[in-house]
């Protein structure tokens, strides 16, 4: 019964998040208006839903799912519960590329291209620096990633300092998470689906990896190949999420812990559930960001931080009580 109740909640959560995202905004739609719009009946409600809100809700759900999956992969790779998708500098590389495009006045296509190039080059650089003597060392990987991320943060600060005053506000807004101009996430949605399938297929091996590299190798797991797949998957997911909506914090860190909190520790279930919960959480946060102070829109990252900080503190407190 308990498992069935969890299944109902998991299935209802994205439906509720999508319904809220499509109905709530500066113009609120009633249930009948939303239903009419979903049936493609012409009118203002249909224009609002399909022209404005549906692409943004889809982008928010996809970005949240990607961040949550990236967080689950990173925590498995580093065997560290505090690992999040932004720890390796991949997000910094993507952000630097997009911000450079903003300063130069380039279009969104060029921004996405520079962002992808920055993320891919940083992912490759960290991998090359961390891979030594035929294996991955999680501590070396973490150290290299933190150092590279710190250097990129310095470059981003320098770029913000040198940017024209008229561009700085938009750049800061994007850095804090901005889905205002989000597009329909075609490639990113395919990436999310692929990573969920990968996580489900490799879930048992990831579970064994949690016992330690030597024990996993003795049980037949190809540790280096699995860790490389986790790193590449996390880097790709982080890049996709950043290009969709900027550097939105806390989703990748807290969502895998929320899933574990309801008793799901097996990665065969944890990865897909993290995608669903992360997507729903970011969709609800973005809905609040664009409607609470409407017509003023807040950066979505502010809402995820306001939600994430108390949740993380509660998780830490719960773990401390359980350890006594």
Protein backbone atom coordinates (compact mmCIF):
# COMPACT_ATOMS: atom_id res chain seq x y z
CA UNK A 1 0.00 0.00 0.00
CA UNK A 2 2.82 2.33 0.92
CA UNK A 3 4.55 1.64 -2.40
CA UNK A 4 1.30 2.24 -4.26
CA UNK A 5 0.80 5.56 -2.48
CA UNK A 6 4.30 6.65 -3.49
CA UNK A 7 3.60 5.68 -7.09
CA UNK A 8 0.42 7.77 -7.11
CA UNK A 9 2.28 10.76 -5.66
CA UNK A 10 5.10 10.44 -8.20
CA UNK A 11 2.62 10.26 -11.08
CA UNK A 12 0.49 13.14 -9.74
CA UNK A 13 3.43 15.48 -9.05
CA UNK A 14 4.39 16.29 -12.67
CA UNK A 15 0.72 16.54 -13.69
CA UNK A 16 0.10 19.07 -10.90
CA UNK A 17 3.27 20.99 -11.75
CA UNK A 18 2.38 21.22 -15.45
CA UNK A 19 -1.22 22.23 -14.69
CA UNK A 20 -0.03 24.96 -12.32
CA UNK A 21 2.58 26.17 -14.80
CA UNK A 22 0.04 26.42 -17.62
CA UNK A 23 -2.79 27.97 -15.57
CA UNK A 24 -0.96 30.40 -13.26
CA UNK A 25 0.76 33.59 -14.34
CA UNK A 26 0.12 37.31 -14.72
CA UNK A 27 -3.19 36.19 -16.34
CA UNK A 28 -4.78 33.36 -14.37
CA UNK A 29 -6.79 30.77 -16.25
CA UNK A 30 -9.68 28.84 -14.75
CA UNK A 31 -9.84 25.08 -15.04
CA UNK A 32 -12.41 25.33 -17.85
CA UNK A 33 -10.30 27.87 -19.75
CA UNK A 34 -7.22 25.67 -19.39
CA UNK A 35 -9.14 22.62 -20.58
CA UNK A 36 -10.44 24.52 -23.60
CA UNK A 37 -6.93 25.68 -24.44
CA UNK A 38 -5.57 22.14 -24.17
CA UNK A 39 -8.23 21.06 -26.66
CA UNK A 40 -6.86 23.69 -29.10
CA UNK A 41 -10.03 25.78 -29.07
CA UNK A 42 -9.11 29.21 -30.52
CA UNK A 43 -9.03 32.17 -28.13
CA UNK A 44 -6.90 34.14 -25.69
CA UNK A 45 -6.42 31.19 -23.33
CA UNK A 46 -5.12 29.01 -26.13
CA UNK A 47 -2.72 31.73 -27.27
CA UNK A 48 -1.38 32.15 -23.72
CA UNK A 49 -1.00 28.42 -23.08
CA UNK A 50 0.54 27.32 -26.37
CA UNK A 51 2.33 30.53 -27.32
CA UNK A 52 3.84 31.52 -23.99
CA UNK A 53 3.55 29.06 -21.16
CA UNK A 54 3.84 25.58 -22.68
CA UNK A 55 7.40 26.13 -24.08
CA UNK A 56 8.52 27.64 -20.77
CA UNK A 57 6.97 24.87 -18.67
CA UNK A 58 8.54 22.24 -20.93
CA UNK A 59 11.93 23.96 -20.65
CA UNK A 60 11.66 24.25 -16.85
CA UNK A 61 10.68 20.59 -16.46
CA UNK A 62 13.49 19.45 -18.74
CA UNK A 63 16.12 21.66 -17.05
CA UNK A 64 15.06 20.50 -13.59
CA UNK A 65 15.14 16.86 -14.66
CA UNK A 66 18.60 17.26 -16.17
CA UNK A 67 19.97 18.96 -13.05
CA UNK A 68 18.54 16.28 -10.77
CA UNK A 69 19.95 13.45 -12.88
CA UNK A 70 23.32 15.22 -13.05
CA UNK A 71 23.29 15.54 -9.25
CA UNK A 72 22.52 11.84 -8.80
CA UNK A 73 25.35 10.89 -11.18
CA UNK A 74 27.82 13.23 -9.46
CA UNK A 75 26.99 11.94 -5.99
CA UNK A 76 27.49 8.35 -7.22
CA UNK A 77 30.74 9.20 -9.02
CA UNK A 78 32.33 11.05 -6.11
CA UNK A 79 30.63 9.01 -3.36
CA UNK A 80 29.92 12.37 -1.82
CA UNK A 81 26.39 13.46 -0.78
CA UNK A 82 27.31 17.15 -1.21
CA UNK A 83 28.31 16.82 -4.87
CA UNK A 84 26.19 18.84 -7.28
CA UNK A 85 26.24 19.44 -11.06
CA UNK A 86 28.19 22.70 -10.80
CA UNK A 87 31.23 21.32 -9.03
CA UNK A 88 33.36 20.56 -12.11
CA UNK A 89 33.33 23.89 -13.90
CA UNK A 90 31.18 22.63 -16.77
CA UNK A 91 28.44 25.08 -15.86
CA UNK A 92 31.05 27.84 -15.54
CA UNK A 93 32.32 27.12 -19.04
CA UNK A 94 28.78 27.23 -20.45
CA UNK A 95 27.97 30.41 -18.53
CA UNK A 96 31.16 32.11 -19.69
CA UNK A 97 30.33 31.34 -23.33
CA UNK A 98 26.72 32.59 -23.07
CA UNK A 99 27.74 35.77 -21.19
CA UNK A 100 30.46 36.49 -23.75
CA UNK A 101 27.82 36.26 -26.48
CA UNK A 102 25.63 38.71 -24.54
CA UNK A 103 28.48 41.22 -24.21
CA UNK A 104 29.26 40.95 -27.93
CA UNK A 105 25.58 41.40 -28.82
CA UNK A 106 25.35 38.03 -30.58
CA UNK A 107 22.09 36.15 -31.02
CA UNK A 108 20.74 33.29 -28.97
CA UNK A 109 22.03 30.71 -31.48
CA UNK A 110 25.58 32.00 -31.16
CA UNK A 111 25.18 32.14 -27.39
CA UNK A 112 24.12 28.49 -27.29
CA UNK A 113 27.06 27.58 -29.54
CA UNK A 114 29.60 29.42 -27.39
CA UNK A 115 28.01 28.01 -24.24
CA UNK A 116 28.26 24.46 -25.54
CA UNK A 117 31.85 25.02 -26.65
CA UNK A 118 32.77 26.39 -23.22
CA UNK A 119 31.10 23.51 -21.39
CA UNK A 120 32.61 20.83 -23.64
CA UNK A 121 36.13 22.28 -23.40
CA UNK A 122 35.94 22.50 -19.58
CA UNK A 123 34.58 18.94 -19.30
CA UNK A 124 37.44 17.69 -21.48
CA UNK A 125 40.05 19.74 -19.59
CA UNK A 126 38.93 18.46 -16.17
CA UNK A 127 38.81 14.88 -17.44
CA UNK A 128 42.33 15.08 -18.92
CA UNK A 129 43.77 16.64 -15.76
CA UNK A 130 42.04 14.18 -13.43
CA UNK A 131 42.68 10.97 -15.36
CA UNK A 132 46.04 9.54 -14.44
CA UNK A 133 47.71 6.12 -14.58
CA UNK A 134 44.75 4.44 -16.20
CA UNK A 135 42.10 5.25 -13.63
CA UNK A 136 39.90 7.94 -12.10
CA UNK A 137 40.63 9.13 -8.61
CA UNK A 138 37.50 10.77 -7.16
CA UNK A 139 39.53 13.04 -4.88
CA UNK A 140 41.77 14.26 -7.72
CA UNK A 141 38.71 14.73 -9.91
CA UNK A 142 37.01 16.76 -7.20
CA UNK A 143 40.10 18.89 -6.56
CA UNK A 144 40.68 19.64 -10.25
CA UNK A 145 37.00 20.43 -10.76
CA UNK A 146 36.85 22.83 -7.82
CA UNK A 147 39.99 24.66 -8.96
CA UNK A 148 38.76 24.99 -12.56
CA UNK A 149 35.34 26.18 -11.34
CA UNK A 150 36.99 28.82 -9.15
CA UNK A 151 39.02 30.10 -12.10
CA UNK A 152 35.91 30.30 -14.30
CA UNK A 153 34.02 32.19 -11.59
CA UNK A 154 36.85 34.72 -11.56
CA UNK A 155 36.62 35.10 -15.36
CA UNK A 156 32.84 35.55 -15.13
CA UNK A 157 33.30 38.25 -12.49
CA UNK A 158 35.87 39.97 -14.72
CA UNK A 159 33.46 39.83 -17.67
CA UNK A 160 30.67 41.35 -15.54
CA UNK A 161 33.02 44.11 -14.43
CA UNK A 162 34.07 45.01 -17.98
CA UNK A 163 30.58 44.64 -19.54
CA UNK A 164 28.54 47.74 -20.46
CA UNK A 165 26.22 48.84 -17.68
CA UNK A 166 23.16 48.29 -19.86
CA UNK A 167 24.01 44.61 -20.27
CA UNK A 168 24.97 43.77 -16.69
CA UNK A 169 21.42 43.44 -15.31
CA UNK A 170 20.45 40.94 -18.02
CA UNK A 171 23.65 38.97 -17.46
CA UNK A 172 23.11 38.79 -13.71
CA UNK A 173 19.46 37.82 -14.23
CA UNK A 174 20.51 34.96 -16.52
CA UNK A 175 23.22 33.83 -14.08
CA UNK A 176 20.60 33.49 -11.33
CA UNK A 177 18.36 31.40 -13.57
CA UNK A 178 16.15 32.81 -16.28
CA UNK A 179 13.62 30.88 -18.35
CA UNK A 180 11.94 33.95 -19.83
CA UNK A 181 13.11 33.24 -23.36
CA UNK A 182 13.22 29.47 -23.04
CA UNK A 183 12.53 27.49 -26.20
CA UNK A 184 10.95 24.10 -26.71
CA UNK A 185 13.62 21.68 -25.43
CA UNK A 186 13.90 19.16 -28.26
CA UNK A 187 17.54 18.05 -27.95
CA UNK A 188 17.53 18.48 -24.18
CA UNK A 189 14.39 16.34 -23.79
CA UNK A 190 15.99 13.56 -25.84
CA UNK A 191 19.12 13.88 -23.70
CA UNK A 192 17.07 13.63 -20.49
CA UNK A 193 15.30 10.51 -21.74
CA UNK A 194 18.59 8.94 -22.78
CA UNK A 195 20.22 9.62 -19.42
CA UNK A 196 17.23 8.24 -17.52
CA UNK A 197 17.44 5.04 -19.57
CA UNK A 198 21.21 4.91 -19.01
CA UNK A 199 20.76 5.38 -15.27
CA UNK A 200 18.14 2.66 -15.14
CA UNK A 201 20.23 0.23 -17.19
CA UNK A 202 23.42 0.87 -15.21
CA UNK A 203 21.62 1.28 -11.89
CA UNK A 204 22.74 -2.04 -10.41
CA UNK A 205 26.39 -1.34 -11.30
CA UNK A 206 26.08 2.16 -9.77
CA UNK A 207 24.70 0.58 -6.60
CA UNK A 208 27.73 -1.70 -6.40
CA UNK A 209 30.09 1.24 -7.09
CA UNK A 210 28.83 2.76 -3.85
CA UNK A 211 30.59 -0.07 -1.99
CA UNK A 212 33.97 1.22 -3.21
CA UNK A 213 36.05 0.89 -6.37
CA UNK A 214 37.96 -2.23 -5.34
CA UNK A 215 34.91 -4.13 -4.19
CA UNK A 216 32.98 -3.09 -7.30
CA UNK A 217 35.84 -4.29 -9.52
CA UNK A 218 35.99 -7.59 -7.64
CA UNK A 219 32.27 -8.06 -8.30
CA UNK A 220 32.73 -7.65 -12.05
CA UNK A 221 31.93 -3.96 -12.53
CA UNK A 222 34.07 -2.18 -15.13
CA UNK A 223 34.77 0.72 -12.80
CA UNK A 224 36.67 3.05 -15.14
CA UNK A 225 34.10 2.73 -17.91
CA UNK A 226 31.21 3.28 -15.50
CA UNK A 227 32.83 6.33 -13.90
CA UNK A 228 33.60 7.82 -17.32
CA UNK A 229 29.94 7.29 -18.31
CA UNK A 230 28.74 8.96 -15.11
CA UNK A 231 31.07 11.92 -15.65
CA UNK A 232 30.09 12.33 -19.31
CA UNK A 233 26.40 12.00 -18.48
CA UNK A 234 26.59 14.55 -15.67
CA UNK A 235 28.55 17.00 -17.86
CA UNK A 236 26.07 16.66 -20.74
CA UNK A 237 23.06 17.07 -18.43
CA UNK A 238 24.56 20.13 -16.75
CA UNK A 239 25.34 21.72 -20.10
CA UNK A 240 21.81 21.15 -21.38
CA UNK A 241 20.25 22.60 -18.23
CA UNK A 242 22.49 25.69 -18.19
CA UNK A 243 21.83 26.44 -21.85
CA UNK A 244 18.10 26.21 -21.20
CA UNK A 245 17.84 28.42 -18.14
CA UNK A 246 21.15 29.63 -16.72
CA UNK A 247 22.85 28.45 -13.54
CA UNK A 248 19.92 27.41 -11.33
CA UNK A 249 21.19 26.14 -8.01
CA UNK A 250 20.14 23.55 -5.41
CA UNK A 251 17.97 21.37 -7.70
CA UNK A 252 20.79 18.97 -8.51
CA UNK A 253 21.95 18.88 -4.90
CA UNK A 254 18.72 18.34 -2.98
CA UNK A 255 16.44 16.36 -5.31
CA UNK A 256 18.36 13.03 -5.10
CA UNK A 257 18.28 13.41 -1.30
CA UNK A 258 14.52 14.07 -1.37
CA UNK A 259 14.06 10.84 -3.33
CA UNK A 260 16.25 8.95 -0.85
CA UNK A 261 14.22 10.46 1.98
CA UNK A 262 11.16 8.48 0.87
CA UNK A 263 13.16 5.27 0.94
CA UNK A 264 14.41 5.01 -2.65
CA UNK A 265 18.15 4.25 -2.68
CA UNK A 266 18.40 1.89 -5.65
CA UNK A 267 19.75 3.84 -8.62
CA UNK A 268 17.52 1.87 -10.99
CA UNK A 269 14.62 3.81 -9.46
CA UNK A 270 16.45 6.80 -8.03
CA UNK A 271 17.56 8.21 -11.39
CA UNK A 272 14.13 8.26 -13.10
CA UNK A 273 12.41 9.46 -9.91
CA UNK A 274 14.97 12.25 -9.53
CA UNK A 275 14.21 13.36 -13.09
CA UNK A 276 10.47 13.50 -12.35
CA UNK A 277 10.83 15.25 -8.98
CA UNK A 278 13.50 17.67 -10.23
CA UNK A 279 11.45 18.62 -13.27
CA UNK A 280 8.33 19.14 -11.17
CA UNK A 281 10.17 21.15 -8.53
CA UNK A 282 11.74 23.53 -11.04
CA UNK A 283 8.44 23.92 -12.91
CA UNK A 284 6.70 24.95 -9.69
CA UNK A 285 9.57 27.27 -8.73
CA UNK A 286 9.50 28.96 -12.15
CA UNK A 287 5.71 29.33 -11.94
CA UNK A 288 6.11 31.07 -8.59
CA UNK A 289 8.97 33.22 -9.91
CA UNK A 290 6.82 34.65 -12.72
CA UNK A 291 3.54 34.98 -10.82
CA UNK A 292 4.14 35.90 -7.15
CA UNK A 293 5.20 39.49 -7.96
CA UNK A 294 3.58 39.68 -11.40
CA UNK A 295 4.08 41.49 -13.71
CA UNK A 296 7.62 41.57 -12.27
CA UNK A 297 9.46 38.30 -12.82
CA UNK A 298 12.09 37.01 -10.43
CA UNK A 299 15.11 34.92 -11.39
CA UNK A 300 14.10 31.29 -10.92
CA UNK A 301 17.33 30.55 -9.08
CA UNK A 302 16.22 32.80 -6.20
CA UNK A 303 13.15 30.63 -5.64
CA UNK A 304 15.10 27.37 -5.81
CA UNK A 305 17.57 28.77 -3.27
CA UNK A 306 14.77 29.91 -0.93
CA UNK A 307 13.30 26.39 -1.15
CA UNK A 308 16.61 24.53 -1.21
CA UNK A 309 18.34 26.09 1.81
CA UNK A 310 15.71 25.12 4.44
CA UNK A 311 15.22 21.70 2.82
CA UNK A 312 18.95 21.01 2.90
CA UNK A 313 19.18 22.15 6.53
CA UNK A 314 16.27 19.85 7.44
CA UNK A 315 17.98 16.96 5.68
CA UNK A 316 21.23 17.60 7.54
CA UNK A 317 19.34 17.81 10.84
CA UNK A 318 17.44 14.58 10.10
CA UNK A 319 20.67 12.75 9.22
CA UNK A 320 22.32 14.03 12.42
CA UNK A 321 19.40 12.82 14.55
CA UNK A 322 19.44 9.44 12.82
CA UNK A 323 23.18 9.05 13.43
CA UNK A 324 22.81 9.45 17.21
